[in-house]
Structures are given as structure tokens and as C-alpha cells.
Amino acid sequence: MKEINIPVGISDFKEICKNGYYYVDKTGLLKQLLNEHGLVNLFTRPRRFGKSLNMSMLKYFFEIGNDQSIFEDLEISKDKELCNQYQGKFPVISVSLKGAKAGNYEDAKDMMKYIVAAEARRLYDRMSEDKMNEKQQMRSLMSDDMKDTELMTALWILSSILKEYYGKKVIILIDEYD
């Protein structure tokens, strides 16, 4: 009998799928989310209940340019119409605030700047600079030492840049928001 590894501490959906870890297929959540969606969706579950893994799954499913083959043989792949309509069709901003926990406000704010800048750099790497209109704003968001006012509006600015670039609504995923 083949031994299957249990993904203890791994919350990256692609890593679990590509490396053959044991996975309870929760891709039906995608269909449920799309059929019963709201403008904002809040997922509340107890600790260690797979919220981060589900957020990663959402990112890999919806985001333009991701490897969609990781969903083959999973429940969601049976709904071809839904996959054709939504899979790999949207720009996605995905941030985890897990690392923003700090002993004081200033350190937490600095960590937030780092988290936002890292996500802006990840998204920038997927874009062609020649087609980007807001290059200076994007470069500013990629800087760890952005101004406090930039941090306060960073997700709004980043989503505006992505919406203009791709011509599509942007999905924003925020994990570990508490």
C-alpha cells in the first residue's frame, strides 16, 4: 500500500496537490461560493480548520495565469461550465496578515507594509510594464518603506491598478485578519 503524507503545517493548495499529500477535496466550496456569493464573504471556522488552505485554493482557482491542472480530478472539475466561466479569469490580491502580529503598533505597521509590498511585487511580476498605466503608483506599493497614507489605501490602489490592467473585477483575499 502506498504511503500518503499528511500535510501538517502546509497551507499552499498547489504544493499539496502537486506533491501528492493527503487532501480532503473541498473544491465544492467554490461552487457553493459562486452560487451563494455576496459582495463580501467571511469564513469563520475554529483554528486549524483549513481556512488558510481554502484561501489558497480560491487564489489558485480564480487567478489569471495559475496552473489550472491542479484541479483535475477534483470535484470542481466536473462542472465544466463553471470552470470555463470562472477558473483562471480574475486578478487576485491575496494577503495573509499572519506575520503582522507584533508587540507594538509601529512594528505591526511595518510588517503590514512588508506584506503589502511583497504582494504588489508578486502581482507586478505577472504584468507587462508596457501595458501598465500606473507604473509609479505600482512601484510605490512595492516599496517596504511606503508612506502610512499609502498603506491605508494600498489594497484599494492595487485593486484599481489591476482592474484597469486586466479590465476585470478584482478578487481580494485576506487571511488571518484577526
C-alpha atoms as a PDB file:
ATOM      1  CA  MET A   1       0.000   0.000   0.000  1.00  0.00           C
ATOM      2  CA  LYS A   2       1.308   3.434  -0.982  1.00  0.00           C
ATOM      3  CA  GLU A   3       2.046   5.727   1.933  1.00  0.00           C
ATOM      4  CA  ILE A   4       0.388   9.154   1.691  1.00  0.00           C
ATOM      5  CA  ASN A   5       1.927  12.089   3.501  1.00  0.00           C
ATOM      6  CA  ILE A   6      -0.222  14.247   5.709  1.00  0.00           C
ATOM      7  CA  PRO A   7       0.379  17.968   5.014  1.00  0.00           C
ATOM      8  CA  VAL A   8       0.957  19.128   8.585  1.00  0.00           C
ATOM      9  CA  GLY A   9       1.620  22.869   8.547  1.00  0.00           C
ATOM     10  CA  ILE A  10       1.250  23.179   4.758  1.00  0.00           C
ATOM     11  CA  SER A  11      -1.453  25.588   3.639  1.00  0.00           C
ATOM     12  CA  ASP A  12      -0.442  26.047  -0.012  1.00  0.00           C
ATOM     13  CA  PHE A  13      -3.042  24.310  -2.177  1.00  0.00           C
ATOM     14  CA  LYS A  14      -0.732  23.829  -5.151  1.00  0.00           C
ATOM     15  CA  GLU A  15       2.010  22.301  -3.014  1.00  0.00           C
ATOM     16  CA  ILE A  16      -0.448  19.795  -1.530  1.00  0.00           C
ATOM     17  CA  CYS A  17      -1.874  18.840  -4.938  1.00  0.00           C
ATOM     18  CA  LYS A  18       1.436  18.633  -6.802  1.00  0.00           C
ATOM     19  CA  ASN A  19       3.278  16.679  -4.124  1.00  0.00           C
ATOM     20  CA  GLY A  20       0.632  14.036  -3.508  1.00  0.00           C
ATOM     21  CA  TYR A  21      -0.260  14.947   0.042  1.00  0.00           C
ATOM     22  CA  TYR A  22      -3.448  13.607   1.571  1.00  0.00           C
ATOM     23  CA  TYR A  23      -6.220  16.065   0.733  1.00  0.00           C
ATOM     24  CA  VAL A  24      -9.922  16.044   1.548  1.00  0.00           C
ATOM     25  CA  ASP A  25     -11.494  17.589  -1.554  1.00  0.00           C
ATOM     26  CA  LYS A  26     -13.171  20.837  -0.543  1.00  0.00           C
ATOM     27  CA  THR A  27     -13.385  22.286  -4.050  1.00  0.00           C
ATOM     28  CA  GLY A  28     -17.175  22.054  -3.819  1.00  0.00           C
ATOM     29  CA  LEU A  29     -16.804  25.220  -1.726  1.00  0.00           C
ATOM     30  CA  LEU A  30     -16.025  27.067  -4.967  1.00  0.00           C
ATOM     31  CA  LYS A  31     -19.375  26.141  -6.490  1.00  0.00           C
ATOM     32  CA  GLN A  32     -21.212  26.999  -3.289  1.00  0.00           C
ATOM     33  CA  LEU A  33     -19.409  30.335  -3.045  1.00  0.00           C
ATOM     34  CA  LEU A  34     -20.257  31.240  -6.640  1.00  0.00           C
ATOM     35  CA  ASN A  35     -23.908  30.220  -6.286  1.00  0.00           C
ATOM     36  CA  GLU A  36     -24.498  31.905  -2.927  1.00  0.00           C
ATOM     37  CA  HIS A  37     -21.948  34.719  -3.048  1.00  0.00           C
ATOM     38  CA  GLY A  38     -22.178  38.128  -1.512  1.00  0.00           C
ATOM     39  CA  LEU A  39     -20.186  41.261  -2.129  1.00  0.00           C
ATOM     40  CA  VAL A  40     -18.031  40.210   0.831  1.00  0.00           C
ATOM     41  CA  ASN A  41     -17.690  36.689   2.198  1.00  0.00           C
ATOM     42  CA  LEU A  42     -16.379  35.945   5.680  1.00  0.00           C
ATOM     43  CA  PHE A  43     -15.191  32.451   6.534  1.00  0.00           C
ATOM     44  CA  THR A  44     -15.265  31.779  10.257  1.00  0.00           C
ATOM     45  CA  ARG A  45     -14.105  28.406  11.496  1.00  0.00           C
ATOM     46  CA  PRO A  46     -12.171  27.199  14.534  1.00  0.00           C
ATOM     47  CA  ARG A  47      -8.378  27.268  14.490  1.00  0.00           C
ATOM     48  CA  ARG A  48      -6.684  24.562  12.402  1.00  0.00           C
ATOM     49  CA  PHE A  49      -9.843  24.031  10.347  1.00  0.00           C
ATOM     50  CA  GLY A  50      -8.341  24.688   6.909  1.00  0.00           C
ATOM     51  CA  LYS A  51      -9.228  28.356   6.361  1.00  0.00           C
ATOM     52  CA  SER A  52      -5.770  29.237   5.001  1.00  0.00           C
ATOM     53  CA  LEU A  53      -5.763  26.209   2.713  1.00  0.00           C
ATOM     54  CA  ASN A  54      -9.210  27.209   1.409  1.00  0.00           C
ATOM     55  CA  MET A  55      -7.992  30.761   0.765  1.00  0.00           C
ATOM     56  CA  SER A  56      -5.048  29.336  -1.168  1.00  0.00           C
ATOM     57  CA  MET A  57      -7.443  27.135  -3.159  1.00  0.00           C
ATOM     58  CA  LEU A  58      -9.560  30.195  -4.032  1.00  0.00           C
ATOM     59  CA  LYS A  59      -6.478  32.069  -5.230  1.00  0.00           C
ATOM     60  CA  TYR A  60      -5.281  29.209  -7.424  1.00  0.00           C
ATOM     61  CA  PHE A  61      -8.747  28.673  -8.881  1.00  0.00           C
ATOM     62  CA  PHE A  62      -9.655  32.256  -9.748  1.00  0.00           C
ATOM     63  CA  GLU A  63      -6.296  33.876 -10.533  1.00  0.00           C
ATOM     64  CA  ILE A  64      -5.218  34.588 -14.082  1.00  0.00           C
ATOM     65  CA  GLY A  65      -2.032  32.750 -15.022  1.00  0.00           C
ATOM     66  CA  ASN A  66      -2.117  29.961 -12.433  1.00  0.00           C
ATOM     67  CA  ASP A  67      -1.638  26.293 -13.247  1.00  0.00           C
ATOM     68  CA  GLN A  68      -5.223  25.104 -13.584  1.00  0.00           C
ATOM     69  CA  SER A  69      -4.212  21.448 -13.949  1.00  0.00           C
ATOM     70  CA  ILE A  70      -4.031  21.135 -10.158  1.00  0.00           C
ATOM     71  CA  PHE A  71      -7.845  20.998 -10.147  1.00  0.00           C
ATOM     72  CA  GLU A  72      -8.024  17.969 -12.470  1.00  0.00           C
ATOM     73  CA  ASP A  73      -9.780  15.015 -10.847  1.00  0.00           C
ATOM     74  CA  LEU A  74     -11.168  17.202  -8.066  1.00  0.00           C
ATOM     75  CA  GLU A  75     -14.892  17.773  -7.522  1.00  0.00           C
ATOM     76  CA  ILE A  76     -14.967  21.223  -9.133  1.00  0.00           C
ATOM     77  CA  SER A  77     -13.508  19.917 -12.402  1.00  0.00           C
ATOM     78  CA  LYS A  78     -16.764  18.027 -13.042  1.00  0.00           C
ATOM     79  CA  ASP A  79     -18.579  21.342 -13.543  1.00  0.00           C
ATOM     80  CA  LYS A  80     -17.059  22.299 -16.892  1.00  0.00           C
ATOM     81  CA  GLU A  81     -19.379  25.287 -17.419  1.00  0.00           C
ATOM     82  CA  LEU A  82     -18.461  26.846 -14.078  1.00  0.00           C
ATOM     83  CA  CYS A  83     -14.751  26.210 -14.674  1.00  0.00           C
ATOM     84  CA  ASN A  84     -14.902  27.763 -18.152  1.00  0.00           C
ATOM     85  CA  GLN A  85     -16.624  30.830 -16.743  1.00  0.00           C
ATOM     86  CA  TYR A  86     -14.532  31.442 -13.627  1.00  0.00           C
ATOM     87  CA  GLN A  87     -11.327  29.393 -13.497  1.00  0.00           C
ATOM     88  CA  GLY A  88      -8.230  31.492 -14.143  1.00  0.00           C
ATOM     89  CA  LYS A  89     -10.288  34.548 -15.142  1.00  0.00           C
ATOM     90  CA  PHE A  90      -9.614  37.162 -12.445  1.00  0.00           C
ATOM     91  CA  PRO A  91      -6.798  39.181 -10.953  1.00  0.00           C
ATOM     92  CA  VAL A  92      -6.426  38.182  -7.299  1.00  0.00           C
ATOM     93  CA  ILE A  93      -4.849  40.054  -4.415  1.00  0.00           C
ATOM     94  CA  SER A  94      -4.035  37.590  -1.652  1.00  0.00           C
ATOM     95  CA  VAL A  95      -2.550  38.694   1.648  1.00  0.00           C
ATOM     96  CA  SER A  96      -2.092  36.878   4.909  1.00  0.00           C
ATOM     97  CA  LEU A  97      -1.809  39.029   7.982  1.00  0.00           C
ATOM     98  CA  LYS A  98      -0.325  36.155   9.947  1.00  0.00           C
ATOM     99  CA  GLY A  99       3.070  37.861  10.028  1.00  0.00           C
ATOM    100  CA  ALA A 100       1.680  41.237  11.107  1.00  0.00           C
ATOM    101  CA  LYS A 101       1.420  40.266  14.758  1.00  0.00           C
ATOM    102  CA  ALA A 102       3.807  42.392  16.752  1.00  0.00           C
ATOM    103  CA  GLY A 103       4.366  43.703  20.243  1.00  0.00           C
ATOM    104  CA  ASN A 104       3.562  47.279  19.316  1.00  0.00           C
ATOM    105  CA  TYR A 105       1.727  49.352  16.740  1.00  0.00           C
ATOM    106  CA  GLU A 106       4.809  50.577  14.852  1.00  0.00           C
ATOM    107  CA  ASP A 107       6.201  47.080  14.346  1.00  0.00           C
ATOM    108  CA  ALA A 108       2.784  45.787  13.223  1.00  0.00           C
ATOM    109  CA  LYS A 109       2.505  48.674  10.758  1.00  0.00           C
ATOM    110  CA  ASP A 110       5.974  47.921   9.372  1.00  0.00           C
ATOM    111  CA  MET A 111       5.005  44.274   8.930  1.00  0.00           C
ATOM    112  CA  MET A 112       1.841  45.354   7.088  1.00  0.00           C
ATOM    113  CA  LYS A 113       3.973  47.450   4.732  1.00  0.00           C
ATOM    114  CA  TYR A 114       6.191  44.443   4.072  1.00  0.00           C
ATOM    115  CA  ILE A 115       3.176  42.164   3.416  1.00  0.00           C
ATOM    116  CA  VAL A 116       1.529  44.627   1.017  1.00  0.00           C
ATOM    117  CA  ALA A 117       4.817  45.317  -0.787  1.00  0.00           C
ATOM    118  CA  ALA A 118       5.501  41.595  -1.223  1.00  0.00           C
ATOM    119  CA  GLU A 119       2.045  41.059  -2.750  1.00  0.00           C
ATOM    120  CA  ALA A 120       2.464  44.083  -5.025  1.00  0.00           C
ATOM    121  CA  ARG A 121       5.812  42.672  -6.220  1.00  0.00           C
ATOM    122  CA  ARG A 122       4.250  39.252  -6.852  1.00  0.00           C
ATOM    123  CA  LEU A 123       1.486  40.834  -8.953  1.00  0.00           C
ATOM    124  CA  TYR A 124       3.894  43.160 -10.758  1.00  0.00           C
ATOM    125  CA  ASP A 125       5.985  40.169 -11.851  1.00  0.00           C
ATOM    126  CA  ARG A 126       2.891  38.793 -13.627  1.00  0.00           C
ATOM    127  CA  MET A 127       2.234  42.018 -15.538  1.00  0.00           C
ATOM    128  CA  SER A 128       3.838  43.586 -18.581  1.00  0.00           C
ATOM    129  CA  GLU A 129       5.152  47.036 -17.737  1.00  0.00           C
ATOM    130  CA  ASP A 130       4.450  48.338 -21.276  1.00  0.00           C
ATOM    131  CA  LYS A 131       0.704  47.777 -20.786  1.00  0.00           C
ATOM    132  CA  MET A 132       0.655  49.277 -17.280  1.00  0.00           C
ATOM    133  CA  ASN A 133      -0.551  52.881 -16.928  1.00  0.00           C
ATOM    134  CA  GLU A 134       0.112  53.356 -13.211  1.00  0.00           C
ATOM    135  CA  LYS A 135       3.783  52.334 -13.080  1.00  0.00           C
ATOM    136  CA  GLN A 136       4.806  54.910 -10.493  1.00  0.00           C
ATOM    137  CA  GLN A 137       1.959  54.000  -8.130  1.00  0.00           C
ATOM    138  CA  MET A 138       2.781  50.322  -8.524  1.00  0.00           C
ATOM    139  CA  ARG A 139       6.462  50.913  -7.783  1.00  0.00           C
ATOM    140  CA  SER A 140       5.483  52.894  -4.701  1.00  0.00           C
ATOM    141  CA  LEU A 141       3.349  49.985  -3.431  1.00  0.00           C
ATOM    142  CA  MET A 142       6.260  47.581  -3.948  1.00  0.00           C
ATOM    143  CA  SER A 143       8.410  49.553  -1.510  1.00  0.00           C
ATOM    144  CA  ASP A 144       8.652  48.334   2.097  1.00  0.00           C
ATOM    145  CA  ASP A 145       9.036  51.948   3.237  1.00  0.00           C
ATOM    146  CA  MET A 146       5.822  53.262   1.712  1.00  0.00           C
ATOM    147  CA  LYS A 147       4.159  56.187   3.432  1.00  0.00           C
ATOM    148  CA  ASP A 148       1.497  55.487   6.043  1.00  0.00           C
ATOM    149  CA  THR A 149      -1.133  57.092   3.809  1.00  0.00           C
ATOM    150  CA  GLU A 150      -0.159  54.707   1.002  1.00  0.00           C
ATOM    151  CA  LEU A 151      -0.517  51.751   3.360  1.00  0.00           C
ATOM    152  CA  MET A 152      -4.015  52.885   4.361  1.00  0.00           C
ATOM    153  CA  THR A 153      -5.161  52.870   0.732  1.00  0.00           C
ATOM    154  CA  ALA A 154      -2.833  50.165  -0.624  1.00  0.00           C
ATOM    155  CA  LEU A 155      -5.439  47.481  -1.326  1.00  0.00           C
ATOM    156  CA  TRP A 156      -7.767  49.980  -2.974  1.00  0.00           C
ATOM    157  CA  ILE A 157      -4.951  51.384  -5.155  1.00  0.00           C
ATOM    158  CA  LEU A 158      -3.637  47.924  -6.021  1.00  0.00           C
ATOM    159  CA  SER A 159      -7.113  46.679  -6.945  1.00  0.00           C
ATOM    160  CA  SER A 160      -7.695  49.788  -9.081  1.00  0.00           C
ATOM    161  CA  ILE A 161      -4.420  49.189 -10.949  1.00  0.00           C
ATOM    162  CA  LEU A 162      -5.308  45.534 -11.533  1.00  0.00           C
ATOM    163  CA  LYS A 163      -8.851  46.339 -12.638  1.00  0.00           C
ATOM    164  CA  GLU A 164      -7.540  48.823 -15.191  1.00  0.00           C
ATOM    165  CA  TYR A 165      -4.785  46.488 -16.387  1.00  0.00           C
ATOM    166  CA  TYR A 166      -6.929  43.369 -16.796  1.00  0.00           C
ATOM    167  CA  GLY A 167     -10.289  45.038 -17.431  1.00  0.00           C
ATOM    168  CA  LYS A 168     -11.913  42.748 -14.857  1.00  0.00           C
ATOM    169  CA  LYS A 169     -13.142  42.882 -11.290  1.00  0.00           C
ATOM    170  CA  VAL A 170     -10.515  42.007  -8.713  1.00  0.00           C
ATOM    171  CA  ILE A 171     -10.844  39.364  -6.025  1.00  0.00           C
ATOM    172  CA  ILE A 172      -9.250  40.298  -2.703  1.00  0.00           C
ATOM    173  CA  LEU A 173      -8.455  37.517  -0.247  1.00  0.00           C
ATOM    174  CA  ILE A 174      -7.381  38.442   3.278  1.00  0.00           C
ATOM    175  CA  ASP A 175      -6.297  35.640   5.575  1.00  0.00           C
ATOM    176  CA  GLU A 176      -5.559  35.816   9.288  1.00  0.00           C
ATOM    177  CA  TYR A 177      -7.438  39.117   9.504  1.00  0.00           C
ATOM    178  CA  ASP A 178      -7.931  38.804  13.248  1.00  0.00           C
END
